[in-house]
Amino acid sequence: MKIVDVVCSAGRTGFYFDDQRAIKQGAGHDGVFYVGAPVTDGFSSVRQAGESISVMLVLEDGQIAYGDCAAVQYSGAGGRDPLFLASDFIPVIDEFIKPQLVGKEANDFRGLCAMMEAIQVNGKRLHTAIRYGVSQAILDAVAKGTGRLMCEVVADEYGCSVSDTPIDIFTQSGDDRYDNSDKMIIKGAQVLPHALINNVKDKLGENGEKLEEYVAWLRDRILTHRTNENYNPVFHIDVYGTIGAAFGNTNYKVMADYIEKLGKIAKPFKLRIEGPMDCDVDVPTQMKALAGLTAELDARGCDVELVADEWCNTLEDIKLFADNKAGHMVQIKTPDLGGINNTIEAVLYCKEKGIGAYQGGTCNETDRSAQVCVHCAMATQPVQILAKPGMGVDEGFMIVYNEMNRIIAVRNAKKAAGK
């Protein structure tokens, strides 16, 4: 089944582009807006509308396969590619990718992705967001061209097995960490709430007291309102490096004391802390700091798990963090890795190394990228998958939950029919 055309359209994402550096430097809120001037190249304001590009591959039988190019909320920070604007990058796809794909047989996902990932413009690889969306479209094209589900293509090409049960869904609250937590409890989210603890003074507390209060509130909220005693979600809180900012990025003993205290407050629920420090220097510095804190917690027998995020952006970064036990779990932030072939390999590598694989992403994606990511997760079976896009909880949870259950229902029907 040949690809006969490549068509692009500009789109919106489920959230915004935010200038993380400006926020860390104290940009204030005015409703949904941020106040102040941006400091990261490419931004016209501290917060601006998220943009995407839908890449549609037209097959010779008229079917249309598609994926969405999207970049993370905090583009241009933590070693990532620059701000992704549709008007800048649709011409790149038309000039450099379309000629390579038109006329190709849609029967080899890995091969087509390898060809696409090798394309360079002015000596540089394509923007991660382009590789992300085009690889989604390639996966869909191969699935449509060969009569399989996307997850079945992944399983067949990477030697893994499609899950017969759903993967745990992780929901994130944004700043509305109280009302949105209620939504998560009602929906029965298995992992919650992210909480967006990205400021020491306002959210963590100078001595960590504000986060302690929130963890206690969340614990009590679940115990009060859960309708099933077997509902025991994992607490997963992203602190955006604020613990390190408050206590010192390499002050492992003091940080571990605080994290242990949080773990005890969370009981009877399990706690994960994402991004305890952000060294804001380079990958090796961040890796060593996180490995040091991980070792300190392990030596104490503490059951709180640390999750790597900042400065762990590429497949190579993920392998480095996993090899050095920098964290108990690694967030595989799907748009940052470029092609979803890299996400697939990252999940499988973490599992091989005994490190928890969290197939994440960003609130700043689209419904389509979320759906394709579900197929990757069902084939590779990470510990958890992010509900995305957006910060409204209900919408992202619905998209991911429903796609997983469609996959399970279709495969069960195939089995019943003997196919």
Protein backbone atom coordinates (compact mmCIF):
# COMPACT_ATOMS: atom_id res chain seq x y z
CA MET A 1 0.00 0.00 0.00
CA LYS A 2 1.78 3.12 -1.25
CA ILE A 3 1.75 6.61 0.25
CA VAL A 4 0.59 8.94 -2.55
CA ASP A 5 0.42 12.32 -0.79
CA VAL A 6 1.31 14.20 2.41
CA VAL A 7 -1.09 16.92 3.57
CA CYS A 8 -0.59 19.26 6.57
CA SER A 9 -2.96 21.41 8.57
CA ALA A 10 -2.28 23.81 11.44
CA GLY A 11 -3.97 23.01 14.73
CA ARG A 12 -4.30 23.87 18.41
CA THR A 13 -3.16 21.76 21.31
CA GLY A 14 -4.94 20.95 24.55
CA PHE A 15 -3.02 23.53 26.59
CA TYR A 16 -0.44 26.30 26.22
CA PHE A 17 3.22 27.05 25.65
CA ASP A 18 4.63 28.45 28.90
CA ASP A 19 8.00 30.16 29.33
CA GLN A 20 9.35 28.08 32.21
CA ARG A 21 12.35 30.33 32.82
CA ALA A 22 10.14 33.41 33.16
CA ILE A 23 7.85 31.55 35.56
CA LYS A 24 10.79 30.43 37.70
CA GLN A 25 11.99 34.02 37.78
CA GLY A 26 8.70 35.10 39.32
CA ALA A 27 6.18 35.84 36.55
CA GLY A 28 2.86 36.34 38.32
CA HIS A 29 -0.67 35.18 37.51
CA ASP A 30 -3.56 37.29 36.28
CA GLY A 31 -6.32 34.76 35.83
CA VAL A 32 -5.12 32.29 33.20
CA PHE A 33 -2.52 34.78 31.94
CA TYR A 34 1.01 35.20 33.24
CA VAL A 35 2.22 38.73 33.96
CA GLY A 36 5.59 39.95 32.75
CA ALA A 37 7.89 39.65 29.77
CA PRO A 38 9.10 36.33 28.30
CA VAL A 39 12.79 35.46 28.58
CA THR A 40 13.05 32.37 26.34
CA ASP A 41 13.74 32.83 22.63
CA GLY A 42 10.69 32.60 20.40
CA PHE A 43 8.07 33.43 23.02
CA SER A 44 5.90 36.49 22.43
CA SER A 45 4.39 36.23 25.92
CA VAL A 46 5.01 34.12 29.01
CA ARG A 47 1.94 32.05 28.13
CA GLN A 48 0.67 31.62 24.59
CA ALA A 49 -1.64 29.27 22.73
CA GLY A 50 -0.21 25.85 22.01
CA GLU A 51 0.13 24.93 18.34
CA SER A 52 0.21 21.64 16.47
CA ILE A 53 0.44 20.33 12.93
CA SER A 54 -1.66 17.43 11.67
CA VAL A 55 0.29 15.33 9.17
CA MET A 56 -1.98 13.28 6.90
CA LEU A 57 -0.63 10.48 4.72
CA VAL A 58 -2.94 9.64 1.82
CA LEU A 59 -2.76 5.98 0.81
CA GLU A 60 -3.36 4.72 -2.72
CA ASP A 61 -6.72 3.17 -1.75
CA GLY A 62 -7.97 6.51 -0.41
CA GLN A 63 -7.46 5.84 3.27
CA ILE A 64 -5.93 8.69 5.26
CA ALA A 65 -3.51 8.02 8.11
CA TYR A 66 -2.60 10.85 10.42
CA GLY A 67 -0.63 11.99 13.42
CA ASP A 68 -0.13 15.28 15.22
CA CYS A 69 3.12 17.17 15.67
CA ALA A 70 3.21 18.75 19.13
CA ALA A 71 5.77 19.99 21.63
CA VAL A 72 5.75 20.13 25.41
CA GLN A 73 4.30 22.96 27.48
CA TYR A 74 7.76 24.13 28.57
CA SER A 75 9.34 24.28 25.12
CA GLY A 76 12.83 25.73 24.90
CA ALA A 77 13.67 24.81 28.52
CA GLY A 78 15.70 21.98 30.04
CA GLY A 79 17.70 21.36 26.88
CA ARG A 80 14.67 20.99 24.60
CA ASP A 81 14.13 22.15 21.02
CA PRO A 82 12.81 25.70 20.52
CA LEU A 83 9.21 26.88 20.44
CA PHE A 84 7.12 24.98 17.88
CA LEU A 85 4.98 27.24 15.69
CA ALA A 86 2.94 25.75 12.84
CA SER A 87 3.70 28.55 10.37
CA ASP A 88 7.43 27.94 10.80
CA PHE A 89 7.37 24.18 10.35
CA ILE A 90 4.68 23.24 7.81
CA PRO A 91 7.05 24.44 5.03
CA VAL A 92 9.78 22.19 6.49
CA ILE A 93 7.51 19.15 6.27
CA ASP A 94 6.46 20.00 2.73
CA GLU A 95 10.03 20.55 1.53
CA PHE A 96 12.02 17.89 3.32
CA ILE A 97 9.65 15.09 4.40
CA LYS A 98 6.93 14.90 1.76
CA PRO A 99 9.34 14.01 -1.08
CA GLN A 100 10.84 11.22 1.04
CA LEU A 101 7.49 9.60 1.90
CA VAL A 102 5.48 9.89 -1.33
CA GLY A 103 5.78 6.65 -3.29
CA LYS A 104 6.98 4.58 -0.34
CA GLU A 105 5.22 1.36 0.68
CA ALA A 106 3.48 1.68 4.05
CA ASN A 107 4.60 -1.70 5.34
CA ASP A 108 7.64 -1.07 7.58
CA PHE A 109 7.12 1.26 10.55
CA ARG A 110 10.66 1.00 11.91
CA GLY A 111 12.27 1.41 8.51
CA LEU A 112 10.21 4.44 7.52
CA CYS A 113 10.82 6.06 10.92
CA ALA A 114 14.57 5.48 10.64
CA MET A 115 14.54 7.17 7.23
CA MET A 116 12.56 10.11 8.60
CA GLU A 117 14.72 10.47 11.74
CA ALA A 118 17.85 10.65 9.56
CA ILE A 119 16.66 13.72 7.64
CA GLN A 120 18.67 16.84 8.44
CA VAL A 121 18.03 20.50 7.65
CA ASN A 122 21.08 22.77 7.70
CA GLY A 123 23.04 20.07 9.49
CA LYS A 124 20.45 19.60 12.25
CA ARG A 125 17.89 16.90 12.93
CA LEU A 126 14.25 17.76 12.41
CA HIS A 127 12.48 19.40 15.36
CA THR A 128 11.33 16.79 17.88
CA ALA A 129 7.69 17.82 17.33
CA ILE A 130 7.92 17.10 13.60
CA ARG A 131 9.45 13.68 14.16
CA TYR A 132 6.80 12.97 16.79
CA GLY A 133 3.84 13.70 14.51
CA VAL A 134 5.22 12.20 11.32
CA SER A 135 6.08 8.94 13.10
CA GLN A 136 2.49 8.74 14.41
CA ALA A 137 1.20 9.12 10.87
CA ILE A 138 3.61 6.44 9.64
CA LEU A 139 2.42 4.01 12.32
CA ASP A 140 -1.20 4.65 11.37
CA ALA A 141 -0.37 4.25 7.67
CA VAL A 142 1.32 0.88 8.24
CA ALA A 143 -1.60 -0.26 10.38
CA LYS A 144 -4.18 0.77 7.76
CA GLY A 145 -2.08 -0.59 4.90
CA THR A 146 -1.65 -4.01 6.52
CA GLY A 147 -5.04 -4.43 8.23
CA ARG A 148 -3.79 -4.30 11.82
CA LEU A 149 -4.25 -2.10 14.86
CA MET A 150 -1.38 0.29 15.55
CA CYS A 151 -0.55 -1.56 18.77
CA GLU A 152 -0.33 -4.82 16.81
CA VAL A 153 2.16 -3.27 14.40
CA VAL A 154 4.32 -2.19 17.36
CA ALA A 155 4.10 -5.62 19.00
CA ASP A 156 4.95 -7.41 15.76
CA GLU A 157 7.93 -5.20 14.90
CA TYR A 158 9.42 -4.99 18.41
CA GLY A 159 8.74 -8.52 19.66
CA CYS A 160 6.42 -7.60 22.53
CA SER A 161 2.83 -8.47 23.43
CA VAL A 162 -0.28 -6.30 23.43
CA SER A 163 -1.77 -6.08 26.91
CA ASP A 164 -5.14 -7.72 27.51
CA THR A 165 -5.87 -5.26 30.33
CA PRO A 166 -5.68 -1.45 30.61
CA ILE A 167 -2.48 0.33 31.66
CA ASP A 168 -2.74 2.48 34.81
CA ILE A 169 -3.67 6.07 33.91
CA PHE A 170 -1.91 9.01 35.56
CA THR A 171 -3.86 12.28 35.73
CA GLN A 172 -2.47 15.78 36.29
CA SER A 173 -4.28 18.67 37.92
CA GLY A 174 -2.44 21.83 36.98
CA ASP A 175 -2.81 24.60 39.53
CA ASP A 176 -6.39 23.54 40.33
CA ARG A 177 -4.97 20.80 42.55
CA TYR A 178 -7.99 20.56 44.86
CA ASP A 179 -11.08 20.49 42.62
CA ASN A 180 -9.26 18.50 39.96
CA SER A 181 -8.22 15.91 42.56
CA ASP A 182 -11.91 15.42 43.31
CA LYS A 183 -12.49 14.69 39.60
CA MET A 184 -9.70 12.11 39.68
CA ILE A 185 -11.17 10.36 42.69
CA ILE A 186 -14.61 10.22 41.06
CA LYS A 187 -13.11 8.80 37.84
CA GLY A 188 -11.03 6.26 39.76
CA ALA A 189 -7.67 7.41 38.36
CA GLN A 190 -5.01 4.90 39.39
CA VAL A 191 -2.24 7.54 39.70
CA LEU A 192 -2.75 11.17 40.75
CA PRO A 193 -2.52 14.23 40.98
CA HIS A 194 0.77 15.76 39.60
CA ALA A 195 -0.18 18.98 41.55
CA LEU A 196 2.20 21.39 39.76
CA ILE A 197 4.40 22.28 42.73
CA ASN A 198 6.60 24.69 40.78
CA ASN A 199 7.22 27.49 43.29
CA VAL A 200 8.93 27.22 46.67
CA LYS A 201 7.26 30.13 48.42
CA ASP A 202 3.71 29.66 47.16
CA LYS A 203 3.37 25.89 46.71
CA LEU A 204 6.12 23.91 48.47
CA GLY A 205 6.62 26.24 51.40
CA GLU A 206 9.99 27.57 52.58
CA ASN A 207 10.38 24.47 54.77
CA GLY A 208 8.14 22.23 52.66
CA GLU A 209 5.13 22.78 54.92
CA LYS A 210 2.64 23.67 52.16
CA LEU A 211 3.23 20.44 50.27
CA GLU A 212 2.95 18.48 53.53
CA GLU A 213 -0.47 20.07 54.09
CA TYR A 214 -1.58 19.22 50.56
CA VAL A 215 -0.48 15.57 50.78
CA ALA A 216 -2.39 15.22 54.06
CA TRP A 217 -5.46 16.82 52.49
CA LEU A 218 -5.30 14.49 49.47
CA ARG A 219 -4.91 11.43 51.69
CA ASP A 220 -7.94 12.38 53.77
CA ARG A 221 -9.97 13.34 50.71
CA ILE A 222 -9.58 9.88 49.19
CA LEU A 223 -10.26 8.07 52.46
CA THR A 224 -13.44 10.13 52.92
CA HIS A 225 -14.85 9.97 49.40
CA ARG A 226 -13.73 6.72 47.84
CA THR A 227 -16.65 4.37 47.21
CA ASN A 228 -14.50 1.23 47.19
CA GLU A 229 -11.99 0.36 49.87
CA ASN A 230 -9.86 -1.31 47.21
CA TYR A 231 -9.31 2.06 45.52
CA ASN A 232 -5.72 2.83 46.52
CA PRO A 233 -4.22 5.21 43.96
CA VAL A 234 -0.54 6.09 43.84
CA PHE A 235 0.32 9.68 44.73
CA HIS A 236 2.59 11.10 42.02
CA ILE A 237 3.60 14.71 42.66
CA ASP A 238 5.80 16.78 40.35
CA VAL A 239 7.79 19.29 42.39
CA TYR A 240 9.71 20.88 39.49
CA GLY A 241 13.00 20.93 41.39
CA THR A 242 11.60 22.92 44.32
CA ILE A 243 12.79 20.46 46.99
CA GLY A 244 16.33 20.96 45.76
CA ALA A 245 15.77 24.71 45.55
CA ALA A 246 14.58 24.78 49.17
CA PHE A 247 17.12 22.40 50.73
CA GLY A 248 20.04 22.18 48.26
CA ASN A 249 20.29 20.10 45.09
CA THR A 250 22.95 17.78 46.53
CA ASN A 251 22.01 18.04 50.20
CA TYR A 252 20.83 14.44 50.06
CA LYS A 253 20.35 13.85 53.77
CA VAL A 254 18.09 16.85 54.32
CA MET A 255 16.13 16.21 51.11
CA ALA A 256 15.73 12.54 52.03
CA ASP A 257 14.51 13.50 55.53
CA TYR A 258 11.82 15.66 53.98
CA ILE A 259 10.82 13.09 51.34
CA GLU A 260 10.59 10.38 53.99
CA LYS A 261 8.29 12.63 55.98
CA LEU A 262 6.06 13.14 52.94
CA GLY A 263 5.93 9.38 52.40
CA LYS A 264 4.71 8.84 55.96
CA ILE A 265 2.06 11.54 55.59
CA ALA A 266 0.78 9.91 52.39
CA LYS A 267 0.17 6.53 54.06
CA PRO A 268 -1.68 4.27 53.40
CA PHE A 269 -1.01 5.42 49.84
CA LYS A 270 2.25 5.03 47.92
CA LEU A 271 4.11 8.23 47.02
CA ARG A 272 6.22 9.18 44.00
CA ILE A 273 8.11 12.47 43.71
CA GLU A 274 8.94 13.67 40.22
CA GLY A 275 11.82 16.07 39.64
CA PRO A 276 13.03 16.61 43.23
CA MET A 277 15.83 18.85 41.98
CA ASP A 278 16.63 20.71 38.78
CA CYS A 279 20.33 21.46 38.57
CA ASP A 280 19.67 23.54 35.43
CA VAL A 281 23.19 22.90 34.12
CA ASP A 282 23.44 19.80 31.93
CA VAL A 283 22.43 16.15 31.68
CA PRO A 284 25.40 14.62 33.61
CA THR A 285 24.99 17.04 36.52
CA GLN A 286 21.27 16.32 36.81
CA MET A 287 21.81 12.56 36.48
CA LYS A 288 24.45 12.46 39.22
CA ALA A 289 22.35 14.53 41.61
CA LEU A 290 19.27 12.37 41.13
CA ALA A 291 21.32 9.17 41.41
CA GLY A 292 22.76 10.43 44.68
CA LEU A 293 19.35 11.12 46.20
CA THR A 294 18.00 7.79 44.90
CA ALA A 295 20.87 5.95 46.60
CA GLU A 296 20.25 7.83 49.86
CA LEU A 297 16.57 6.86 49.92
CA ASP A 298 17.36 3.25 49.01
CA ALA A 299 19.96 3.01 51.79
CA ARG A 300 17.27 4.07 54.26
CA GLY A 301 14.76 1.55 52.96
CA CYS A 302 12.39 4.41 52.09
CA ASP A 303 9.55 3.31 49.81
CA VAL A 304 9.02 6.72 48.18
CA GLU A 305 9.96 6.52 44.51
CA LEU A 306 11.78 9.27 42.62
CA VAL A 307 10.87 10.03 39.02
CA ALA A 308 13.35 11.50 36.52
CA ASP A 309 12.04 14.26 34.29
CA GLU A 310 14.07 17.45 33.67
CA TRP A 311 17.21 17.00 31.54
CA CYS A 312 16.08 13.46 30.70
CA ASN A 313 14.69 14.25 27.28
CA THR A 314 16.10 11.93 24.63
CA LEU A 315 16.38 8.17 24.24
CA GLU A 316 20.09 8.50 25.02
CA ASP A 317 19.32 10.51 28.18
CA ILE A 318 16.82 7.91 29.34
CA LYS A 319 19.35 5.13 28.87
CA LEU A 320 21.94 7.12 30.85
CA PHE A 321 19.55 7.72 33.77
CA ALA A 322 18.38 4.09 33.74
CA ASP A 323 21.93 2.73 33.60
CA ASN A 324 22.97 4.87 36.59
CA LYS A 325 19.80 4.31 38.65
CA ALA A 326 19.05 8.01 38.64
CA GLY A 327 15.50 7.65 39.91
CA HIS A 328 13.26 4.66 40.45
CA MET A 329 11.14 5.61 37.44
CA VAL A 330 11.80 7.61 34.29
CA GLN A 331 9.26 9.80 32.60
CA ILE A 332 9.42 9.11 28.89
CA LYS A 333 8.11 12.48 27.77
CA THR A 334 6.91 11.39 24.37
CA PRO A 335 7.20 14.64 22.33
CA ASP A 336 10.74 15.25 23.61
CA LEU A 337 11.99 11.97 22.14
CA GLY A 338 10.99 12.85 18.60
CA GLY A 339 9.70 9.78 16.75
CA ILE A 340 7.42 7.49 18.74
CA ASN A 341 9.77 4.69 17.72
CA ASN A 342 12.09 6.19 20.34
CA THR A 343 9.32 6.13 22.96
CA ILE A 344 8.78 2.45 22.23
CA GLU A 345 12.48 1.69 22.59
CA ALA A 346 12.72 3.77 25.78
CA VAL A 347 9.93 1.88 27.51
CA LEU A 348 11.41 -1.48 26.56
CA TYR A 349 14.90 -0.38 27.69
CA CYS A 350 13.68 0.77 31.10
CA LYS A 351 11.86 -2.51 31.61
CA GLU A 352 15.00 -4.42 30.66
CA LYS A 353 16.99 -2.43 33.25
CA GLY A 354 14.41 -2.84 36.01
CA ILE A 355 13.56 0.87 36.07
CA GLY A 356 9.92 1.95 36.13
CA ALA A 357 8.75 3.23 32.75
CA TYR A 358 6.26 6.09 32.85
CA GLN A 359 5.05 6.82 29.33
CA GLY A 360 4.26 10.46 29.81
CA GLY A 361 4.05 13.44 27.56
CA THR A 362 2.53 16.84 28.06
CA CYS A 363 -0.77 18.59 28.61
CA ASN A 364 0.14 20.50 25.44
CA GLU A 365 -0.60 17.63 23.03
CA THR A 366 -3.68 16.70 21.03
CA ASP A 367 -6.36 14.03 21.11
CA ARG A 368 -4.65 12.26 18.20
CA SER A 369 -1.17 12.11 19.70
CA ALA A 370 -2.73 10.79 22.91
CA GLN A 371 -4.56 8.03 21.03
CA VAL A 372 -1.45 6.89 19.18
CA CYS A 373 0.52 6.90 22.44
CA VAL A 374 -2.09 4.57 23.94
CA HIS A 375 -1.34 2.06 21.20
CA CYS A 376 2.38 2.26 21.97
CA ALA A 377 1.68 1.74 25.66
CA MET A 378 -0.63 -1.21 25.14
CA ALA A 379 2.13 -2.93 23.14
CA THR A 380 5.07 -2.10 25.43
CA GLN A 381 3.22 -2.14 28.79
CA PRO A 382 4.83 0.65 30.87
CA VAL A 383 3.91 1.07 34.54
CA GLN A 384 1.64 4.01 33.76
CA ILE A 385 0.51 6.29 30.94
CA LEU A 386 -0.36 9.97 31.16
CA ALA A 387 -3.92 11.16 30.62
CA LYS A 388 -3.56 13.88 28.01
CA PRO A 389 -3.98 16.49 26.67
CA GLY A 390 -5.10 19.40 28.83
CA MET A 391 -5.34 20.06 32.54
CA GLY A 392 -9.08 19.56 32.90
CA VAL A 393 -8.73 15.89 33.96
CA ASP A 394 -12.02 14.66 32.47
CA GLU A 395 -11.11 15.19 28.83
CA GLY A 396 -7.63 13.66 28.87
CA PHE A 397 -8.73 10.75 31.04
CA MET A 398 -11.63 10.06 28.66
CA ILE A 399 -9.43 10.05 25.55
CA VAL A 400 -6.85 7.65 26.98
CA TYR A 401 -9.31 5.41 28.85
CA ASN A 402 -11.64 5.03 25.88
CA GLU A 403 -8.86 4.28 23.38
CA MET A 404 -7.47 1.55 25.63
CA ASN A 405 -10.86 -0.05 25.97
CA ARG A 406 -11.49 0.12 22.23
CA ILE A 407 -8.24 -1.76 21.66
CA ILE A 408 -9.18 -4.43 24.18
CA ALA A 409 -12.71 -4.80 22.75
CA VAL A 410 -11.53 -5.07 19.13
CA ARG A 411 -8.85 -7.63 19.98
CA ASN A 412 -11.32 -9.68 22.00
CA ALA A 413 -13.69 -9.64 19.05
CA LYS A 414 -10.89 -10.80 16.76
CA LYS A 415 -10.04 -13.65 19.11
CA ALA A 416 -13.70 -14.68 19.31
CA ALA A 417 -13.85 -14.76 15.51
CA GLY A 418 -10.69 -16.85 15.38
CA LYS A 419 -8.62 -14.16 13.63
